[in-house]
Amino acid sequence: MDIKLSELPMVIHSCFVLHNICELNKEQVHDGLIQTAITSERQHQPPCAANRCTTGNNEAAGKKVRDIYVKYFD
């Protein structure tokens, strides 16, 4: 997904709202559709520099961002 960083908070907030609406209405998504979407996203990602695509760096950075969101929304 290509978006401007300035719009990222609104996109994240929208995802949370949509998720809550789906839960309230007991909407479910079939696991097959989720796997199809994940596969499609992976296939359409642009190449990136080797130093930015290492699993360890992304995983540590992802955990740090997740912890920030957890503290903010808790």
PDB file of N, CA and C in Angstrom:
ATOM      1  N   MET A   1       0.854  -1.165   0.000  1.00  0.00           N
ATOM      2  CA  MET A   1       0.000   0.000   0.000  1.00  0.00           C
ATOM      3  C   MET A   1       0.902   1.230   0.000  1.00  0.00           C
ATOM      4  N   ASP A   2       0.717   2.085  -0.965  1.00  0.00           N
ATOM      5  CA  ASP A   2       1.496   3.310  -1.038  1.00  0.00           C
ATOM      6  C   ASP A   2       0.660   4.480  -0.535  1.00  0.00           C
ATOM      7  N   ILE A   3       1.087   5.048   0.596  1.00  0.00           N
ATOM      8  CA  ILE A   3       0.412   6.217   1.147  1.00  0.00           C
ATOM      9  C   ILE A   3       1.459   7.183   1.671  1.00  0.00           C
ATOM     10  N   LYS A   4       1.056   8.420   1.832  1.00  0.00           N
ATOM     11  CA  LYS A   4       1.947   9.420   2.407  1.00  0.00           C
ATOM     12  C   LYS A   4       2.047   9.178   3.914  1.00  0.00           C
ATOM     13  N   LEU A   5       3.229   9.415   4.466  1.00  0.00           N
ATOM     14  CA  LEU A   5       3.400   9.224   5.915  1.00  0.00           C
ATOM     15  C   LEU A   5       2.456  10.112   6.706  1.00  0.00           C
ATOM     16  N   SER A   6       2.145  11.274   6.182  1.00  0.00           N
ATOM     17  CA  SER A   6       1.243  12.184   6.902  1.00  0.00           C
ATOM     18  C   SER A   6      -0.176  11.604   7.003  1.00  0.00           C
ATOM     19  N   GLU A   7      -0.528  10.690   6.080  1.00  0.00           N
ATOM     20  CA  GLU A   7      -1.854  10.080   6.093  1.00  0.00           C
ATOM     21  C   GLU A   7      -1.897   8.762   6.856  1.00  0.00           C
ATOM     22  N   LEU A   8      -0.749   8.261   7.275  1.00  0.00           N
ATOM     23  CA  LEU A   8      -0.679   6.955   7.940  1.00  0.00           C
ATOM     24  C   LEU A   8      -1.547   6.873   9.199  1.00  0.00           C
ATOM     25  N   PRO A   9      -1.530   7.866  10.092  1.00  0.00           N
ATOM     26  CA  PRO A   9      -2.389   7.750  11.287  1.00  0.00           C
ATOM     27  C   PRO A   9      -3.866   7.597  10.945  1.00  0.00           C
ATOM     28  N   MET A  10      -4.337   8.295   9.903  1.00  0.00           N
ATOM     29  CA  MET A  10      -5.742   8.192   9.516  1.00  0.00           C
ATOM     30  C   MET A  10      -6.042   6.804   8.951  1.00  0.00           C
ATOM     31  N   VAL A  11      -5.112   6.241   8.201  1.00  0.00           N
ATOM     32  CA  VAL A  11      -5.313   4.904   7.640  1.00  0.00           C
ATOM     33  C   VAL A  11      -5.373   3.870   8.762  1.00  0.00           C
ATOM     34  N   ILE A  12      -4.459   3.969   9.705  1.00  0.00           N
ATOM     35  CA  ILE A  12      -4.441   3.031  10.833  1.00  0.00           C
ATOM     36  C   ILE A  12      -5.724   3.143  11.649  1.00  0.00           C
ATOM     37  N   HIS A  13      -6.126   4.362  11.928  1.00  0.00           N
ATOM     38  CA  HIS A  13      -7.359   4.576  12.697  1.00  0.00           C
ATOM     39  C   HIS A  13      -8.556   3.992  11.941  1.00  0.00           C
ATOM     40  N   SER A  14      -8.593   4.200  10.639  1.00  0.00           N
ATOM     41  CA  SER A  14      -9.688   3.660   9.828  1.00  0.00           C
ATOM     42  C   SER A  14      -9.731   2.137   9.889  1.00  0.00           C
ATOM     43  N   CYS A  15      -8.568   1.516   9.887  1.00  0.00           N
ATOM     44  CA  CYS A  15      -8.507   0.055   9.989  1.00  0.00           C
ATOM     45  C   CYS A  15      -9.062  -0.421  11.325  1.00  0.00           C
ATOM     46  N   PHE A  16      -8.715   0.291  12.403  1.00  0.00           N
ATOM     47  CA  PHE A  16      -9.243  -0.078  13.715  1.00  0.00           C
ATOM     48  C   PHE A  16     -10.768   0.043  13.733  1.00  0.00           C
ATOM     49  N   VAL A  17     -11.291   1.128  13.187  1.00  0.00           N
ATOM     50  CA  VAL A  17     -12.735   1.351  13.169  1.00  0.00           C
ATOM     51  C   VAL A  17     -13.431   0.264  12.352  1.00  0.00           C
ATOM     52  N   LEU A  18     -12.905  -0.020  11.171  1.00  0.00           N
ATOM     53  CA  LEU A  18     -13.487  -1.055  10.321  1.00  0.00           C
ATOM     54  C   LEU A  18     -13.463  -2.419  11.017  1.00  0.00           C
ATOM     55  N   HIS A  19     -12.361  -2.723  11.679  1.00  0.00           N
ATOM     56  CA  HIS A  19     -12.256  -3.984  12.417  1.00  0.00           C
ATOM     57  C   HIS A  19     -13.332  -4.069  13.494  1.00  0.00           C
ATOM     58  N   ASN A  20     -13.531  -2.989  14.233  1.00  0.00           N
ATOM     59  CA  ASN A  20     -14.536  -2.984  15.301  1.00  0.00           C
ATOM     60  C   ASN A  20     -15.941  -3.134  14.741  1.00  0.00           C
ATOM     61  N   ILE A  21     -16.222  -2.482  13.612  1.00  0.00           N
ATOM     62  CA  ILE A  21     -17.536  -2.609  12.983  1.00  0.00           C
ATOM     63  C   ILE A  21     -17.771  -4.055  12.557  1.00  0.00           C
ATOM     64  N   CYS A  22     -16.756  -4.670  11.970  1.00  0.00           N
ATOM     65  CA  CYS A  22     -16.879  -6.066  11.547  1.00  0.00           C
ATOM     66  C   CYS A  22     -17.130  -6.977  12.739  1.00  0.00           C
ATOM     67  N   GLU A  23     -16.436  -6.735  13.847  1.00  0.00           N
ATOM     68  CA  GLU A  23     -16.648  -7.557  15.045  1.00  0.00           C
ATOM     69  C   GLU A  23     -18.063  -7.370  15.597  1.00  0.00           C
ATOM     70  N   LEU A  24     -18.536  -6.121  15.641  1.00  0.00           N
ATOM     71  CA  LEU A  24     -19.886  -5.863  16.142  1.00  0.00           C
ATOM     72  C   LEU A  24     -20.949  -6.573  15.313  1.00  0.00           C
ATOM     73  N   ASN A  25     -20.730  -6.670  14.013  1.00  0.00           N
ATOM     74  CA  ASN A  25     -21.686  -7.314  13.117  1.00  0.00           C
ATOM     75  C   ASN A  25     -21.386  -8.786  12.884  1.00  0.00           C
ATOM     76  N   LYS A  26     -20.417  -9.308  13.648  1.00  0.00           N
ATOM     77  CA  LYS A  26     -20.023 -10.716  13.571  1.00  0.00           C
ATOM     78  C   LYS A  26     -19.658 -11.137  12.140  1.00  0.00           C
ATOM     79  N   GLU A  27     -19.009 -10.223  11.424  1.00  0.00           N
ATOM     80  CA  GLU A  27     -18.533 -10.510  10.068  1.00  0.00           C
ATOM     81  C   GLU A  27     -17.249 -11.334  10.172  1.00  0.00           C
ATOM     82  N   GLN A  28     -17.116 -12.301   9.306  1.00  0.00           N
ATOM     83  CA  GLN A  28     -15.917 -13.123   9.297  1.00  0.00           C
ATOM     84  C   GLN A  28     -15.347 -13.157   7.882  1.00  0.00           C
ATOM     85  N   VAL A  29     -14.030 -13.282   7.806  1.00  0.00           N
ATOM     86  CA  VAL A  29     -13.352 -13.387   6.526  1.00  0.00           C
ATOM     87  C   VAL A  29     -12.765 -14.791   6.431  1.00  0.00           C
ATOM     88  N   HIS A  30     -13.035 -15.450   5.334  1.00  0.00           N
ATOM     89  CA  HIS A  30     -12.538 -16.805   5.124  1.00  0.00           C
ATOM     90  C   HIS A  30     -11.015 -16.789   5.069  1.00  0.00           C
ATOM     91  N   ASP A  31     -10.378 -17.749   5.732  1.00  0.00           N
ATOM     92  CA  ASP A  31      -8.914 -17.820   5.783  1.00  0.00           C
ATOM     93  C   ASP A  31      -8.294 -17.871   4.383  1.00  0.00           C
ATOM     94  N   GLY A  32      -8.966 -18.493   3.450  1.00  0.00           N
ATOM     95  CA  GLY A  32      -8.445 -18.576   2.087  1.00  0.00           C
ATOM     96  C   GLY A  32      -8.311 -17.196   1.446  1.00  0.00           C
ATOM     97  N   LEU A  33      -9.276 -16.314   1.713  1.00  0.00           N
ATOM     98  CA  LEU A  33      -9.206 -14.954   1.176  1.00  0.00           C
ATOM     99  C   LEU A  33      -8.041 -14.181   1.786  1.00  0.00           C
ATOM    100  N   ILE A  34      -7.800 -14.404   3.057  1.00  0.00           N
ATOM    101  CA  ILE A  34      -6.686 -13.732   3.722  1.00  0.00           C
ATOM    102  C   ILE A  34      -5.367 -14.187   3.122  1.00  0.00           C
ATOM    103  N   GLN A  35      -5.201 -15.490   2.932  1.00  0.00           N
ATOM    104  CA  GLN A  35      -3.965 -16.015   2.353  1.00  0.00           C
ATOM    105  C   GLN A  35      -3.766 -15.519   0.923  1.00  0.00           C
ATOM    106  N   THR A  36      -4.848 -15.419   0.165  1.00  0.00           N
ATOM    107  CA  THR A  36      -4.761 -14.904  -1.200  1.00  0.00           C
ATOM    108  C   THR A  36      -4.290 -13.453  -1.195  1.00  0.00           C
ATOM    109  N   ALA A  37      -4.835 -12.647  -0.285  1.00  0.00           N
ATOM    110  CA  ALA A  37      -4.434 -11.245  -0.196  1.00  0.00           C
ATOM    111  C   ALA A  37      -2.970 -11.109   0.211  1.00  0.00           C
ATOM    112  N   ILE A  38      -2.534 -11.919   1.172  1.00  0.00           N
ATOM    113  CA  ILE A  38      -1.137 -11.883   1.617  1.00  0.00           C
ATOM    114  C   ILE A  38      -0.203 -12.256   0.471  1.00  0.00           C
ATOM    115  N   THR A  39      -0.542 -13.304  -0.243  1.00  0.00           N
ATOM    116  CA  THR A  39       0.285 -13.741  -1.370  1.00  0.00           C
ATOM    117  C   THR A  39       0.357 -12.663  -2.443  1.00  0.00           C
ATOM    118  N   SER A  40      -0.774 -12.064  -2.753  1.00  0.00           N
ATOM    119  CA  SER A  40      -0.808 -11.005  -3.766  1.00  0.00           C
ATOM    120  C   SER A  40       0.050  -9.810  -3.346  1.00  0.00           C
ATOM    121  N   GLU A  41      -0.074  -9.400  -2.092  1.00  0.00           N
ATOM    122  CA  GLU A  41       0.724  -8.270  -1.603  1.00  0.00           C
ATOM    123  C   GLU A  41       2.214  -8.568  -1.692  1.00  0.00           C
ATOM    124  N   ARG A  42       2.610  -9.764  -1.329  1.00  0.00           N
ATOM    125  CA  ARG A  42       4.027 -10.135  -1.378  1.00  0.00           C
ATOM    126  C   ARG A  42       4.555 -10.131  -2.810  1.00  0.00           C
ATOM    127  N   GLN A  43       3.732 -10.576  -3.745  1.00  0.00           N
ATOM    128  CA  GLN A  43       4.160 -10.642  -5.144  1.00  0.00           C
ATOM    129  C   GLN A  43       4.290  -9.260  -5.780  1.00  0.00           C
ATOM    130  N   HIS A  44       3.574  -8.285  -5.263  1.00  0.00           N
ATOM    131  CA  HIS A  44       3.562  -6.960  -5.873  1.00  0.00           C
ATOM    132  C   HIS A  44       4.390  -5.923  -5.115  1.00  0.00           C
ATOM    133  N   GLN A  45       5.230  -6.374  -4.199  1.00  0.00           N
ATOM    134  CA  GLN A  45       6.092  -5.454  -3.466  1.00  0.00           C
ATOM    135  C   GLN A  45       7.283  -5.056  -4.333  1.00  0.00           C
ATOM    136  N   PRO A  46       7.643  -3.782  -4.321  1.00  0.00           N
ATOM    137  CA  PRO A  46       8.815  -3.367  -5.083  1.00  0.00           C
ATOM    138  C   PRO A  46      10.081  -3.877  -4.404  1.00  0.00           C
ATOM    139  N   PRO A  47      11.144  -4.062  -5.186  1.00  0.00           N
ATOM    140  CA  PRO A  47      12.408  -4.492  -4.575  1.00  0.00           C
ATOM    141  C   PRO A  47      12.930  -3.413  -3.640  1.00  0.00           C
ATOM    142  N   CYS A  48      13.674  -3.828  -2.640  1.00  0.00           N
ATOM    143  CA  CYS A  48      14.249  -2.855  -1.711  1.00  0.00           C
ATOM    144  C   CYS A  48      15.720  -3.181  -1.486  1.00  0.00           C
ATOM    145  N   ALA A  49      16.400  -2.230  -0.877  1.00  0.00           N
ATOM    146  CA  ALA A  49      17.827  -2.405  -0.612  1.00  0.00           C
ATOM    147  C   ALA A  49      18.030  -3.548   0.376  1.00  0.00           C
ATOM    148  N   ALA A  50      19.117  -4.280   0.221  1.00  0.00           N
ATOM    149  CA  ALA A  50      19.382  -5.457   1.055  1.00  0.00           C
ATOM    150  C   ALA A  50      19.441  -5.100   2.535  1.00  0.00           C
ATOM    151  N   ASN A  51      19.992  -3.968   2.878  1.00  0.00           N
ATOM    152  CA  ASN A  51      20.118  -3.619   4.298  1.00  0.00           C
ATOM    153  C   ASN A  51      18.773  -3.279   4.936  1.00  0.00           C
ATOM    154  N   ARG A  52      17.741  -3.005   4.145  1.00  0.00           N
ATOM    155  CA  ARG A  52      16.421  -2.695   4.692  1.00  0.00           C
ATOM    156  C   ARG A  52      15.512  -3.903   4.724  1.00  0.00           C
ATOM    157  N   CYS A  53      15.900  -4.983   4.074  1.00  0.00           N
ATOM    158  CA  CYS A  53      15.009  -6.140   3.959  1.00  0.00           C
ATOM    159  C   CYS A  53      15.429  -7.318   4.833  1.00  0.00           C
ATOM    160  N   THR A  54      16.375  -7.135   5.699  1.00  0.00           N
ATOM    161  CA  THR A  54      16.795  -8.246   6.532  1.00  0.00           C
ATOM    162  C   THR A  54      15.744  -8.506   7.594  1.00  0.00           C
ATOM    163  N   THR A  55      15.483  -9.757   7.857  1.00  0.00           N
ATOM    164  CA  THR A  55      14.422 -10.140   8.782  1.00  0.00           C
ATOM    165  C   THR A  55      14.650  -9.577  10.174  1.00  0.00           C
ATOM    166  N   GLY A  56      15.873  -9.657  10.664  1.00  0.00           N
ATOM    167  CA  GLY A  56      16.157  -9.191  12.019  1.00  0.00           C
ATOM    168  C   GLY A  56      15.855  -7.717  12.212  1.00  0.00           C
ATOM    169  N   ASN A  57      16.260  -6.888  11.265  1.00  0.00           N
ATOM    170  CA  ASN A  57      16.023  -5.449  11.392  1.00  0.00           C
ATOM    171  C   ASN A  57      14.542  -5.121  11.352  1.00  0.00           C
ATOM    172  N   ASN A  58      13.821  -5.697  10.411  1.00  0.00           N
ATOM    173  CA  ASN A  58      12.391  -5.428  10.304  1.00  0.00           C
ATOM    174  C   ASN A  58      11.628  -5.970  11.507  1.00  0.00           C
ATOM    175  N   GLU A  59      12.032  -7.121  11.993  1.00  0.00           N
ATOM    176  CA  GLU A  59      11.326  -7.712  13.126  1.00  0.00           C
ATOM    177  C   GLU A  59      11.505  -6.864  14.383  1.00  0.00           C
ATOM    178  N   ALA A  60      12.725  -6.435  14.647  1.00  0.00           N
ATOM    179  CA  ALA A  60      12.978  -5.604  15.833  1.00  0.00           C
ATOM    180  C   ALA A  60      12.259  -4.268  15.716  1.00  0.00           C
ATOM    181  N   ALA A  61      12.316  -3.665  14.535  1.00  0.00           N
ATOM    182  CA  ALA A  61      11.637  -2.384  14.328  1.00  0.00           C
ATOM    183  C   ALA A  61      10.128  -2.567  14.451  1.00  0.00           C
ATOM    184  N   GLY A  62       9.605  -3.661  13.910  1.00  0.00           N
ATOM    185  CA  GLY A  62       8.170  -3.924  13.998  1.00  0.00           C
ATOM    186  C   GLY A  62       7.703  -4.098  15.433  1.00  0.00           C
ATOM    187  N   LYS A  63       8.488  -4.809  16.230  1.00  0.00           N
ATOM    188  CA  LYS A  63       8.133  -4.995  17.640  1.00  0.00           C
ATOM    189  C   LYS A  63       8.147  -3.667  18.383  1.00  0.00           C
ATOM    190  N   LYS A  64       9.103  -2.815  18.044  1.00  0.00           N
ATOM    191  CA  LYS A  64       9.191  -1.509  18.700  1.00  0.00           C
ATOM    192  C   LYS A  64       7.959  -0.667  18.368  1.00  0.00           C
ATOM    193  N   VAL A  65       7.566  -0.656  17.102  1.00  0.00           N
ATOM    194  CA  VAL A  65       6.383   0.100  16.681  1.00  0.00           C
ATOM    195  C   VAL A  65       5.132  -0.474  17.329  1.00  0.00           C
ATOM    196  N   ARG A  66       5.032  -1.806  17.362  1.00  0.00           N
ATOM    197  CA  ARG A  66       3.868  -2.436  17.992  1.00  0.00           C
ATOM    198  C   ARG A  66       3.762  -2.032  19.462  1.00  0.00           C
ATOM    199  N   ASP A  67       4.885  -2.031  20.171  1.00  0.00           N
ATOM    200  CA  ASP A  67       4.873  -1.660  21.588  1.00  0.00           C
ATOM    201  C   ASP A  67       4.422  -0.214  21.779  1.00  0.00           C
ATOM    202  N   ILE A  68       4.823   0.653  20.870  1.00  0.00           N
ATOM    203  CA  ILE A  68       4.397   2.056  20.949  1.00  0.00           C
ATOM    204  C   ILE A  68       2.884   2.157  20.782  1.00  0.00           C
ATOM    205  N   TYR A  69       2.337   1.426  19.784  1.00  0.00           N
ATOM    206  CA  TYR A  69       0.885   1.449  19.572  1.00  0.00           C
ATOM    207  C   TYR A  69       0.146   0.873  20.754  1.00  0.00           C
ATOM    208  N   VAL A  70       0.652  -0.196  21.327  1.00  0.00           N
ATOM    209  CA  VAL A  70       0.000  -0.817  22.483  1.00  0.00           C
ATOM    210  C   VAL A  70      -0.066   0.172  23.640  1.00  0.00           C
ATOM    211  N   LYS A  71       1.031   0.859  23.904  1.00  0.00           N
ATOM    212  CA  LYS A  71       1.041   1.849  24.993  1.00  0.00           C
ATOM    213  C   LYS A  71       0.102   3.000  24.703  1.00  0.00           C
ATOM    214  N   TYR A  72       0.049   3.438  23.437  1.00  0.00           N
ATOM    215  CA  TYR A  72      -0.784   4.575  23.067  1.00  0.00           C
ATOM    216  C   TYR A  72      -2.258   4.250  23.184  1.00  0.00           C
ATOM    217  N   PHE A  73      -2.666   3.081  22.684  1.00  0.00           N
ATOM    218  CA  PHE A  73      -4.080   2.736  22.639  1.00  0.00           C
ATOM    219  C   PHE A  73      -4.569   2.004  23.888  1.00  0.00           C
ATOM    220  N   ASP A  74      -3.685   1.684  24.802  1.00  0.00           N
ATOM    221  CA  ASP A  74      -4.084   0.950  26.006  1.00  0.00           C
ATOM    222  C   ASP A  74      -4.770   1.838  27.011  1.00  0.00           C
TER     223      ASP A  74
END
